[in-house]
PDB file of N, CA and C in Angstrom:
ATOM      1  N   MET A   1     -32.486  97.321  -0.818  1.00  0.00           N
ATOM      2  CA  MET A   1     -32.615  95.932  -1.256  1.00  0.00           C
ATOM      3  C   MET A   1     -33.467  95.086  -0.256  1.00  0.00           C
ATOM      4  N   GLU A   2     -33.251  95.381   1.048  1.00  0.00           N
ATOM      5  CA  GLU A   2     -33.956  94.515   2.001  1.00  0.00           C
ATOM      6  C   GLU A   2     -35.466  94.819   1.985  1.00  0.00           C
ATOM      7  N   ARG A   3     -35.785  96.068   1.588  1.00  0.00           N
ATOM      8  CA  ARG A   3     -37.272  96.325   1.498  1.00  0.00           C
ATOM      9  C   ARG A   3     -37.924  95.434   0.452  1.00  0.00           C
ATOM     10  N   TRP A   4     -37.206  95.275  -0.665  1.00  0.00           N
ATOM     11  CA  TRP A   4     -37.788  94.426  -1.768  1.00  0.00           C
ATOM     12  C   TRP A   4     -37.849  92.983  -1.331  1.00  0.00           C
ATOM     13  N   ILE A   5     -36.850  92.495  -0.536  1.00  0.00           N
ATOM     14  CA  ILE A   5     -36.949  91.127  -0.013  1.00  0.00           C
ATOM     15  C   ILE A   5     -38.121  91.011   0.913  1.00  0.00           C
ATOM     16  N   THR A   6     -38.327  91.957   1.752  1.00  0.00           N
ATOM     17  CA  THR A   6     -39.467  91.948   2.714  1.00  0.00           C
ATOM     18  C   THR A   6     -40.749  92.028   1.978  1.00  0.00           C
ATOM     19  N   ARG A   7     -40.839  92.900   0.945  1.00  0.00           N
ATOM     20  CA  ARG A   7     -42.063  92.985   0.105  1.00  0.00           C
ATOM     21  C   ARG A   7     -42.325  91.673  -0.610  1.00  0.00           C
ATOM     22  N   GLY A   8     -41.264  90.968  -1.012  1.00  0.00           N
ATOM     23  CA  GLY A   8     -41.409  89.649  -1.714  1.00  0.00           C
ATOM     24  C   GLY A   8     -41.977  88.609  -0.776  1.00  0.00           C
ATOM     25  N   ALA A   9     -41.499  88.618   0.477  1.00  0.00           N
ATOM     26  CA  ALA A   9     -42.049  87.676   1.521  1.00  0.00           C
ATOM     27  C   ALA A   9     -43.515  88.049   1.760  1.00  0.00           C
ATOM     28  N   ALA A  10     -43.843  89.296   1.851  1.00  0.00           N
ATOM     29  CA  ALA A  10     -45.205  89.664   2.060  1.00  0.00           C
ATOM     30  C   ALA A  10     -46.038  89.240   0.839  1.00  0.00           C
ATOM     31  N   ALA A  11     -45.544  89.382  -0.370  1.00  0.00           N
ATOM     32  CA  ALA A  11     -46.287  88.977  -1.523  1.00  0.00           C
ATOM     33  C   ALA A  11     -46.553  87.443  -1.517  1.00  0.00           C
ATOM     34  N   LEU A  12     -45.598  86.674  -1.124  1.00  0.00           N
ATOM     35  CA  LEU A  12     -45.780  85.244  -0.993  1.00  0.00           C
ATOM     36  C   LEU A  12     -46.880  84.878  -0.014  1.00  0.00           C
ATOM     37  N   CYS A  13     -46.864  85.581   1.129  1.00  0.00           N
ATOM     38  CA  CYS A  13     -47.928  85.329   2.107  1.00  0.00           C
ATOM     39  C   CYS A  13     -49.286  85.773   1.554  1.00  0.00           C
ATOM     40  N   ALA A  14     -49.287  86.870   0.885  1.00  0.00           N
ATOM     41  CA  ALA A  14     -50.557  87.334   0.372  1.00  0.00           C
ATOM     42  C   ALA A  14     -51.082  86.411  -0.693  1.00  0.00           C
ATOM     43  N   ALA A  15     -50.205  85.825  -1.570  1.00  0.00           N
ATOM     44  CA  ALA A  15     -50.627  84.830  -2.501  1.00  0.00           C
ATOM     45  C   ALA A  15     -51.213  83.608  -1.854  1.00  0.00           C
ATOM     46  N   GLY A  16     -50.593  83.146  -0.724  1.00  0.00           N
ATOM     47  CA  GLY A  16     -51.144  82.063   0.027  1.00  0.00           C
ATOM     48  C   GLY A  16     -52.540  82.378   0.610  1.00  0.00           C
ATOM     49  N   SER A  17     -52.700  83.561   1.127  1.00  0.00           N
ATOM     50  CA  SER A  17     -54.002  83.926   1.705  1.00  0.00           C
ATOM     51  C   SER A  17     -55.064  84.040   0.638  1.00  0.00           C
ATOM     52  N   ILE A  18     -54.673  84.486  -0.523  1.00  0.00           N
ATOM     53  CA  ILE A  18     -55.631  84.566  -1.678  1.00  0.00           C
ATOM     54  C   ILE A  18     -56.082  83.159  -2.065  1.00  0.00           C
ATOM     55  N   ALA A  19     -55.126  82.233  -2.124  1.00  0.00           N
ATOM     56  CA  ALA A  19     -55.426  80.845  -2.437  1.00  0.00           C
ATOM     57  C   ALA A  19     -56.345  80.207  -1.384  1.00  0.00           C
ATOM     58  N   LEU A  20     -56.101  80.472  -0.138  1.00  0.00           N
ATOM     59  CA  LEU A  20     -56.891  79.900   0.934  1.00  0.00           C
ATOM     60  C   LEU A  20     -58.358  80.503   0.874  1.00  0.00           C
ATOM     61  N   LEU A  21     -58.465  81.791   0.631  1.00  0.00           N
ATOM     62  CA  LEU A  21     -59.837  82.373   0.593  1.00  0.00           C
ATOM     63  C   LEU A  21     -60.530  82.003  -0.731  1.00  0.00           C
ATOM     64  N   TRP A  22     -59.778  81.720  -1.819  1.00  0.00           N
ATOM     65  CA  TRP A  22     -60.418  81.162  -3.016  1.00  0.00           C
ATOM     66  C   TRP A  22     -60.986  79.748  -2.674  1.00  0.00           C
ATOM     67  N   THR A  23     -60.227  79.011  -1.942  1.00  0.00           N
ATOM     68  CA  THR A  23     -60.744  77.602  -1.503  1.00  0.00           C
ATOM     69  C   THR A  23     -61.979  77.787  -0.622  1.00  0.00           C
ATOM     70  N   PHE A  24     -61.980  78.746   0.297  1.00  0.00           N
ATOM     71  CA  PHE A  24     -63.162  79.001   1.110  1.00  0.00           C
ATOM     72  C   PHE A  24     -64.412  79.365   0.234  1.00  0.00           C
ATOM     73  N   GLY A  25     -64.139  80.183  -0.727  1.00  0.00           N
ATOM     74  CA  GLY A  25     -65.259  80.587  -1.617  1.00  0.00           C
ATOM     75  C   GLY A  25     -65.755  79.398  -2.424  1.00  0.00           C
ATOM     76  N   MET A  26     -64.854  78.499  -2.840  1.00  0.00           N
ATOM     77  CA  MET A  26     -65.190  77.287  -3.563  1.00  0.00           C
ATOM     78  C   MET A  26     -66.091  76.378  -2.749  1.00  0.00           C
ATOM     79  N   PHE A  27     -65.780  76.220  -1.434  1.00  0.00           N
ATOM     80  CA  PHE A  27     -66.512  75.313  -0.604  1.00  0.00           C
ATOM     81  C   PHE A  27     -67.800  75.966  -0.031  1.00  0.00           C
ATOM     82  N   VAL A  28     -67.862  77.256   0.064  1.00  0.00           N
ATOM     83  CA  VAL A  28     -69.023  77.904   0.636  1.00  0.00           C
ATOM     84  C   VAL A  28     -70.154  78.016  -0.372  1.00  0.00           C
ATOM     85  N   ALA A  29     -69.902  77.852  -1.605  1.00  0.00           N
ATOM     86  CA  ALA A  29     -70.914  78.078  -2.676  1.00  0.00           C
ATOM     87  C   ALA A  29     -72.080  77.161  -2.606  1.00  0.00           C
ATOM     88  N   VAL A  30     -71.803  75.880  -2.296  1.00  0.00           N
ATOM     89  CA  VAL A  30     -72.859  74.877  -2.248  1.00  0.00           C
ATOM     90  C   VAL A  30     -73.864  75.118  -1.125  1.00  0.00           C
ATOM     91  N   PRO A  31     -73.406  75.201   0.125  1.00  0.00           N
ATOM     92  CA  PRO A  31     -74.385  75.433   1.236  1.00  0.00           C
ATOM     93  C   PRO A  31     -75.053  76.811   1.105  1.00  0.00           C
ATOM     94  N   TRP A  32     -74.353  77.816   0.602  1.00  0.00           N
ATOM     95  CA  TRP A  32     -74.953  79.111   0.365  1.00  0.00           C
ATOM     96  C   TRP A  32     -76.044  79.026  -0.637  1.00  0.00           C
ATOM     97  N   ARG A  33     -75.791  78.340  -1.709  1.00  0.00           N
ATOM     98  CA  ARG A  33     -76.808  78.179  -2.786  1.00  0.00           C
ATOM     99  C   ARG A  33     -78.005  77.421  -2.304  1.00  0.00           C
ATOM    100  N   GLU A  34     -77.793  76.398  -1.509  1.00  0.00           N
ATOM    101  CA  GLU A  34     -78.874  75.615  -0.963  1.00  0.00           C
ATOM    102  C   GLU A  34     -79.590  76.257   0.209  1.00  0.00           C
ATOM    103  N   GLY A  35     -79.101  77.355   0.685  1.00  0.00           N
ATOM    104  CA  GLY A  35     -79.735  78.080   1.798  1.00  0.00           C
ATOM    105  C   GLY A  35     -79.616  77.409   3.133  1.00  0.00           C
ATOM    106  N   ARG A  36     -78.537  76.668   3.364  1.00  0.00           N
ATOM    107  CA  ARG A  36     -78.388  75.959   4.641  1.00  0.00           C
ATOM    108  C   ARG A  36     -77.134  76.355   5.365  1.00  0.00           C
ATOM    109  N   MET A  37     -76.808  77.611   5.314  1.00  0.00           N
ATOM    110  CA  MET A  37     -75.583  78.091   6.038  1.00  0.00           C
ATOM    111  C   MET A  37     -75.698  77.927   7.533  1.00  0.00           C
ATOM    112  N   LEU A  38     -76.874  78.021   8.092  1.00  0.00           N
ATOM    113  CA  LEU A  38     -77.060  77.859   9.521  1.00  0.00           C
ATOM    114  C   LEU A  38     -77.268  76.413   9.963  1.00  0.00           C
ATOM    115  N   ALA A  39     -77.270  75.479   8.989  1.00  0.00           N
ATOM    116  CA  ALA A  39     -77.484  74.112   9.332  1.00  0.00           C
ATOM    117  C   ALA A  39     -76.320  73.246   8.835  1.00  0.00           C
ATOM    118  N   LEU A  40     -75.080  73.699   9.033  1.00  0.00           N
ATOM    119  CA  LEU A  40     -73.927  72.961   8.577  1.00  0.00           C
ATOM    120  C   LEU A  40     -73.559  71.957   9.679  1.00  0.00           C
ATOM    121  N   ASN A  41     -73.102  70.760   9.215  1.00  0.00           N
ATOM    122  CA  ASN A  41     -72.613  69.813  10.186  1.00  0.00           C
ATOM    123  C   ASN A  41     -71.163  70.067  10.531  1.00  0.00           C
ATOM    124  N   GLY A  42     -70.619  69.295  11.440  1.00  0.00           N
ATOM    125  CA  GLY A  42     -69.256  69.529  11.961  1.00  0.00           C
ATOM    126  C   GLY A  42     -68.173  69.452  10.861  1.00  0.00           C
ATOM    127  N   ILE A  43     -68.298  68.507   9.952  1.00  0.00           N
ATOM    128  CA  ILE A  43     -67.301  68.386   8.896  1.00  0.00           C
ATOM    129  C   ILE A  43     -67.361  69.608   7.946  1.00  0.00           C
ATOM    130  N   GLU A  44     -68.553  69.971   7.615  1.00  0.00           N
ATOM    131  CA  GLU A  44     -68.694  71.140   6.750  1.00  0.00           C
ATOM    132  C   GLU A  44     -68.162  72.418   7.402  1.00  0.00           C
ATOM    133  N   LEU A  45     -68.380  72.524   8.743  1.00  0.00           N
ATOM    134  CA  LEU A  45     -67.776  73.727   9.402  1.00  0.00           C
ATOM    135  C   LEU A  45     -66.281  73.687   9.429  1.00  0.00           C
ATOM    136  N   GLN A  46     -65.672  72.465   9.527  1.00  0.00           N
ATOM    137  CA  GLN A  46     -64.209  72.396   9.437  1.00  0.00           C
ATOM    138  C   GLN A  46     -63.734  72.741   8.017  1.00  0.00           C
ATOM    139  N   VAL A  47     -64.425  72.198   7.015  1.00  0.00           N
ATOM    140  CA  VAL A  47     -64.032  72.435   5.629  1.00  0.00           C
ATOM    141  C   VAL A  47     -64.089  73.946   5.291  1.00  0.00           C
ATOM    142  N   LEU A  48     -65.055  74.638   5.872  1.00  0.00           N
ATOM    143  CA  LEU A  48     -65.152  76.061   5.630  1.00  0.00           C
ATOM    144  C   LEU A  48     -64.305  76.843   6.591  1.00  0.00           C
ATOM    145  N   GLY A  49     -64.163  76.406   7.812  1.00  0.00           N
ATOM    146  CA  GLY A  49     -63.429  77.173   8.809  1.00  0.00           C
ATOM    147  C   GLY A  49     -61.947  77.237   8.618  1.00  0.00           C
ATOM    148  N   VAL A  50     -61.342  76.108   8.178  1.00  0.00           N
ATOM    149  CA  VAL A  50     -59.870  76.031   8.038  1.00  0.00           C
ATOM    150  C   VAL A  50     -59.423  77.006   6.956  1.00  0.00           C
ATOM    151  N   PRO A  51     -59.957  76.991   5.755  1.00  0.00           N
ATOM    152  CA  PRO A  51     -59.440  78.008   4.772  1.00  0.00           C
ATOM    153  C   PRO A  51     -59.824  79.429   5.156  1.00  0.00           C
ATOM    154  N   LEU A  52     -60.944  79.596   5.816  1.00  0.00           N
ATOM    155  CA  LEU A  52     -61.370  80.974   6.120  1.00  0.00           C
ATOM    156  C   LEU A  52     -60.408  81.599   7.183  1.00  0.00           C
ATOM    157  N   PHE A  53     -60.239  80.873   8.313  1.00  0.00           N
ATOM    158  CA  PHE A  53     -59.436  81.402   9.380  1.00  0.00           C
ATOM    159  C   PHE A  53     -57.925  81.336   9.044  1.00  0.00           C
ATOM    160  N   GLY A  54     -57.550  80.319   8.268  1.00  0.00           N
ATOM    161  CA  GLY A  54     -56.171  80.275   7.834  1.00  0.00           C
ATOM    162  C   GLY A  54     -55.869  81.392   6.862  1.00  0.00           C
ATOM    163  N   GLY A  55     -56.767  81.669   5.942  1.00  0.00           N
ATOM    164  CA  GLY A  55     -56.536  82.734   4.996  1.00  0.00           C
ATOM    165  C   GLY A  55     -56.524  84.110   5.653  1.00  0.00           C
ATOM    166  N   ILE A  56     -57.354  84.329   6.647  1.00  0.00           N
ATOM    167  CA  ILE A  56     -57.355  85.576   7.326  1.00  0.00           C
ATOM    168  C   ILE A  56     -56.091  85.710   8.153  1.00  0.00           C
ATOM    169  N   ALA A  57     -55.626  84.655   8.758  1.00  0.00           N
ATOM    170  CA  ALA A  57     -54.380  84.722   9.561  1.00  0.00           C
ATOM    171  C   ALA A  57     -53.198  84.983   8.652  1.00  0.00           C
ATOM    172  N   VAL A  58     -53.088  84.318   7.520  1.00  0.00           N
ATOM    173  CA  VAL A  58     -51.984  84.518   6.606  1.00  0.00           C
ATOM    174  C   VAL A  58     -52.013  85.941   6.005  1.00  0.00           C
ATOM    175  N   ALA A  59     -53.226  86.418   5.730  1.00  0.00           N
ATOM    176  CA  ALA A  59     -53.290  87.791   5.191  1.00  0.00           C
ATOM    177  C   ALA A  59     -52.899  88.820   6.232  1.00  0.00           C
ATOM    178  N   TRP A  60     -53.230  88.540   7.504  1.00  0.00           N
ATOM    179  CA  TRP A  60     -52.844  89.404   8.575  1.00  0.00           C
ATOM    180  C   TRP A  60     -51.332  89.428   8.670  1.00  0.00           C
ATOM    181  N   GLY A  61     -50.712  88.214   8.555  1.00  0.00           N
ATOM    182  CA  GLY A  61     -49.255  88.129   8.610  1.00  0.00           C
ATOM    183  C   GLY A  61     -48.627  88.883   7.461  1.00  0.00           C
ATOM    184  N   ALA A  62     -49.231  88.740   6.245  1.00  0.00           N
ATOM    185  CA  ALA A  62     -48.688  89.457   5.109  1.00  0.00           C
ATOM    186  C   ALA A  62     -48.720  90.986   5.317  1.00  0.00           C
ATOM    187  N   LEU A  63     -49.723  91.489   5.949  1.00  0.00           N
ATOM    188  CA  LEU A  63     -49.867  92.911   6.245  1.00  0.00           C
ATOM    189  C   LEU A  63     -48.799  93.318   7.270  1.00  0.00           C
ATOM    190  N   HIS A  64     -48.511  92.453   8.239  1.00  0.00           N
ATOM    191  CA  HIS A  64     -47.462  92.786   9.226  1.00  0.00           C
ATOM    192  C   HIS A  64     -46.088  92.765   8.584  1.00  0.00           C
ATOM    193  N   ILE A  65     -45.861  91.805   7.699  1.00  0.00           N
ATOM    194  CA  ILE A  65     -44.546  91.799   7.001  1.00  0.00           C
ATOM    195  C   ILE A  65     -44.379  93.004   6.147  1.00  0.00           C
ATOM    196  N   LEU A  66     -45.471  93.345   5.460  1.00  0.00           N
ATOM    197  CA  LEU A  66     -45.449  94.583   4.595  1.00  0.00           C
ATOM    198  C   LEU A  66     -45.256  95.809   5.440  1.00  0.00           C
ATOM    199  N   ALA A  67     -45.779  95.847   6.626  1.00  0.00           N
ATOM    200  CA  ALA A  67     -45.619  96.992   7.505  1.00  0.00           C
ATOM    201  C   ALA A  67     -44.190  97.178   7.903  1.00  0.00           C
ATOM    202  N   ILE A  68     -43.404  96.062   8.033  1.00  0.00           N
ATOM    203  CA  ILE A  68     -42.003  96.127   8.328  1.00  0.00           C
ATOM    204  C   ILE A  68     -41.281  96.920   7.246  1.00  0.00           C
ATOM    205  N   ALA A  69     -41.684  96.719   6.026  1.00  0.00           N
ATOM    206  CA  ALA A  69     -40.998  97.368   4.900  1.00  0.00           C
ATOM    207  C   ALA A  69     -41.427  98.749   4.651  1.00  0.00           C
ATOM    208  N   ASP A  70     -42.730  99.040   4.737  1.00  0.00           N
ATOM    209  CA  ASP A  70     -43.313 100.307   4.212  1.00  0.00           C
ATOM    210  C   ASP A  70     -44.057 101.217   5.172  1.00  0.00           C
ATOM    211  N   ARG A  71     -44.503 100.732   6.297  1.00  0.00           N
ATOM    212  CA  ARG A  71     -45.395 101.538   7.088  1.00  0.00           C
ATOM    213  C   ARG A  71     -44.737 102.898   7.537  1.00  0.00           C
ATOM    214  N   ALA A  72     -43.572 102.844   7.995  1.00  0.00           N
ATOM    215  CA  ALA A  72     -42.916 103.990   8.510  1.00  0.00           C
ATOM    216  C   ALA A  72     -42.381 104.889   7.392  1.00  0.00           C
ATOM    217  N   SER A  73     -41.802 104.260   6.372  1.00  0.00           N
ATOM    218  CA  SER A  73     -41.176 105.126   5.336  1.00  0.00           C
ATOM    219  C   SER A  73     -42.087 105.573   4.263  1.00  0.00           C
ATOM    220  N   SER A  74     -43.141 104.716   3.889  1.00  0.00           N
ATOM    221  CA  SER A  74     -44.084 105.043   2.819  1.00  0.00           C
ATOM    222  C   SER A  74     -45.492 104.675   3.274  1.00  0.00           C
ATOM    223  N   PRO A  75     -46.085 105.502   4.142  1.00  0.00           N
ATOM    224  CA  PRO A  75     -47.440 105.081   4.665  1.00  0.00           C
ATOM    225  C   PRO A  75     -48.503 105.065   3.590  1.00  0.00           C
ATOM    226  N   ARG A  76     -48.340 105.918   2.575  1.00  0.00           N
ATOM    227  CA  ARG A  76     -49.363 105.904   1.471  1.00  0.00           C
ATOM    228  C   ARG A  76     -49.290 104.635   0.683  1.00  0.00           C
ATOM    229  N   LEU A  77     -48.047 104.229   0.416  1.00  0.00           N
ATOM    230  CA  LEU A  77     -47.838 102.989  -0.361  1.00  0.00           C
ATOM    231  C   LEU A  77     -48.353 101.780   0.445  1.00  0.00           C
ATOM    232  N   TYR A  78     -48.122 101.772   1.747  1.00  0.00           N
ATOM    233  CA  TYR A  78     -48.605 100.703   2.628  1.00  0.00           C
ATOM    234  C   TYR A  78     -50.107 100.650   2.609  1.00  0.00           C
ATOM    235  N   LEU A  79     -50.730 101.758   2.736  1.00  0.00           N
ATOM    236  CA  LEU A  79     -52.221 101.800   2.671  1.00  0.00           C
ATOM    237  C   LEU A  79     -52.745 101.357   1.351  1.00  0.00           C
ATOM    238  N   THR A  80     -52.106 101.737   0.276  1.00  0.00           N
ATOM    239  CA  THR A  80     -52.553 101.318  -1.048  1.00  0.00           C
ATOM    240  C   THR A  80     -52.429  99.824  -1.211  1.00  0.00           C
ATOM    241  N   LEU A  81     -51.273  99.272  -0.805  1.00  0.00           N
ATOM    242  CA  LEU A  81     -51.123  97.785  -0.907  1.00  0.00           C
ATOM    243  C   LEU A  81     -52.053  97.047   0.021  1.00  0.00           C
ATOM    244  N   ALA A  82     -52.284  97.575   1.196  1.00  0.00           N
ATOM    245  CA  ALA A  82     -53.219  96.931   2.107  1.00  0.00           C
ATOM    246  C   ALA A  82     -54.641  96.887   1.503  1.00  0.00           C
ATOM    247  N   LEU A  83     -55.099  98.012   0.924  1.00  0.00           N
ATOM    248  CA  LEU A  83     -56.400  98.039   0.326  1.00  0.00           C
ATOM    249  C   LEU A  83     -56.466  97.170  -0.907  1.00  0.00           C
ATOM    250  N   ALA A  84     -55.354  97.049  -1.634  1.00  0.00           N
ATOM    251  CA  ALA A  84     -55.245  96.154  -2.843  1.00  0.00           C
ATOM    252  C   ALA A  84     -55.397  94.722  -2.359  1.00  0.00           C
ATOM    253  N   LEU A  85     -54.765  94.378  -1.255  1.00  0.00           N
ATOM    254  CA  LEU A  85     -54.873  93.014  -0.721  1.00  0.00           C
ATOM    255  C   LEU A  85     -56.253  92.712  -0.321  1.00  0.00           C
ATOM    256  N   LEU A  86     -56.873  93.642   0.377  1.00  0.00           N
ATOM    257  CA  LEU A  86     -58.261  93.439   0.771  1.00  0.00           C
ATOM    258  C   LEU A  86     -59.194  93.206  -0.372  1.00  0.00           C
ATOM    259  N   ALA A  87     -59.038  93.979  -1.411  1.00  0.00           N
ATOM    260  CA  ALA A  87     -59.863  93.821  -2.634  1.00  0.00           C
ATOM    261  C   ALA A  87     -59.565  92.463  -3.304  1.00  0.00           C
ATOM    262  N   ALA A  88     -58.284  92.089  -3.291  1.00  0.00           N
ATOM    263  CA  ALA A  88     -57.935  90.757  -3.962  1.00  0.00           C
ATOM    264  C   ALA A  88     -58.504  89.633  -3.106  1.00  0.00           C
ATOM    265  N   LEU A  89     -58.538  89.739  -1.824  1.00  0.00           N
ATOM    266  CA  LEU A  89     -59.121  88.693  -0.948  1.00  0.00           C
ATOM    267  C   LEU A  89     -60.628  88.586  -1.174  1.00  0.00           C
ATOM    268  N   LEU A  90     -61.317  89.665  -1.320  1.00  0.00           N
ATOM    269  CA  LEU A  90     -62.740  89.604  -1.586  1.00  0.00           C
ATOM    270  C   LEU A  90     -63.066  89.092  -2.973  1.00  0.00           C
ATOM    271  N   LEU A  91     -62.218  89.418  -3.917  1.00  0.00           N
ATOM    272  CA  LEU A  91     -62.349  88.865  -5.274  1.00  0.00           C
ATOM    273  C   LEU A  91     -62.049  87.403  -5.328  1.00  0.00           C
ATOM    274  N   ALA A  92     -61.112  86.943  -4.487  1.00  0.00           N
ATOM    275  CA  ALA A  92     -60.773  85.542  -4.483  1.00  0.00           C
ATOM    276  C   ALA A  92     -61.915  84.680  -3.931  1.00  0.00           C
ATOM    277  N   VAL A  93     -62.655  85.137  -2.902  1.00  0.00           N
ATOM    278  CA  VAL A  93     -63.770  84.436  -2.387  1.00  0.00           C
ATOM    279  C   VAL A  93     -64.865  84.375  -3.452  1.00  0.00           C
ATOM    280  N   SER A  94     -65.081  85.534  -4.130  1.00  0.00           N
ATOM    281  CA  SER A  94     -66.087  85.631  -5.141  1.00  0.00           C
ATOM    282  C   SER A  94     -65.767  84.704  -6.352  1.00  0.00           C
ATOM    283  N   ALA A  95     -64.504  84.669  -6.715  1.00  0.00           N
ATOM    284  CA  ALA A  95     -64.040  83.801  -7.842  1.00  0.00           C
ATOM    285  C   ALA A  95     -64.153  82.309  -7.512  1.00  0.00           C
ATOM    286  N   GLY A  96     -63.859  81.963  -6.271  1.00  0.00           N
ATOM    287  CA  GLY A  96     -63.999  80.552  -5.844  1.00  0.00           C
ATOM    288  C   GLY A  96     -65.471  80.092  -5.887  1.00  0.00           C
ATOM    289  N   ALA A  97     -66.321  81.024  -5.383  1.00  0.00           N
ATOM    290  CA  ALA A  97     -67.759  80.671  -5.353  1.00  0.00           C
ATOM    291  C   ALA A  97     -68.282  80.622  -6.787  1.00  0.00           C
ATOM    292  N   SER A  98     -67.814  81.523  -7.662  1.00  0.00           N
ATOM    293  CA  SER A  98     -68.262  81.477  -9.107  1.00  0.00           C
ATOM    294  C   SER A  98     -67.795  80.223  -9.784  1.00  0.00           C
ATOM    295  N   TRP A  99     -66.591  79.809  -9.468  1.00  0.00           N
ATOM    296  CA  TRP A  99     -65.995  78.602 -10.048  1.00  0.00           C
ATOM    297  C   TRP A  99     -66.912  77.379  -9.747  1.00  0.00           C
ATOM    298  N   THR A 100     -67.240  77.260  -8.473  1.00  0.00           N
ATOM    299  CA  THR A 100     -68.060  76.132  -8.070  1.00  0.00           C
ATOM    300  C   THR A 100     -69.481  76.181  -8.642  1.00  0.00           C
ATOM    301  N   THR A 101     -70.045  77.368  -8.649  1.00  0.00           N
ATOM    302  CA  THR A 101     -71.381  77.573  -9.149  1.00  0.00           C
ATOM    303  C   THR A 101     -71.450  77.229 -10.616  1.00  0.00           C
ATOM    304  N   ALA A 102     -70.449  77.562 -11.362  1.00  0.00           N
ATOM    305  CA  ALA A 102     -70.464  77.241 -12.813  1.00  0.00           C
ATOM    306  C   ALA A 102     -70.354  75.759 -13.064  1.00  0.00           C
ATOM    307  N   ARG A 103     -69.841  75.034 -12.142  1.00  0.00           N
ATOM    308  CA  ARG A 103     -69.671  73.539 -12.393  1.00  0.00           C
ATOM    309  C   ARG A 103     -70.805  72.762 -11.812  1.00  0.00           C
ATOM    310  N   ILE A 104     -71.647  73.308 -10.956  1.00  0.00           N
ATOM    311  CA  ILE A 104     -72.764  72.521 -10.400  1.00  0.00           C
ATOM    312  C   ILE A 104     -74.114  72.916 -11.008  1.00  0.00           C
ATOM    313  N   ALA A 105     -74.093  74.005 -11.853  1.00  0.00           N
ATOM    314  CA  ALA A 105     -75.375  74.471 -12.368  1.00  0.00           C
ATOM    315  C   ALA A 105     -75.993  73.619 -13.379  1.00  0.00           C
TER     316      ALA A 105
END
């Protein structure tokens, strides 16, 4: 039972990291589209940096919580879930960028 509770906590953290990285993708779409990623001002760097680094930190935490439940007893399941989280994070960034691009086109 406690493995399921730990997995649930990891899932909540993973959902938060997915939301943060979707927000990053949403905000990065405009400067990326305009070709000015190397010319961002301080406020734009903060708007991009907070969800990016926050999302990465929360995803890392989710993996550590998941490791408590499954790394020793089910290493294959842990690896599968970790790769699924990585894919979900990349898709979240892409979905956020697509959402913004569809609205400014």
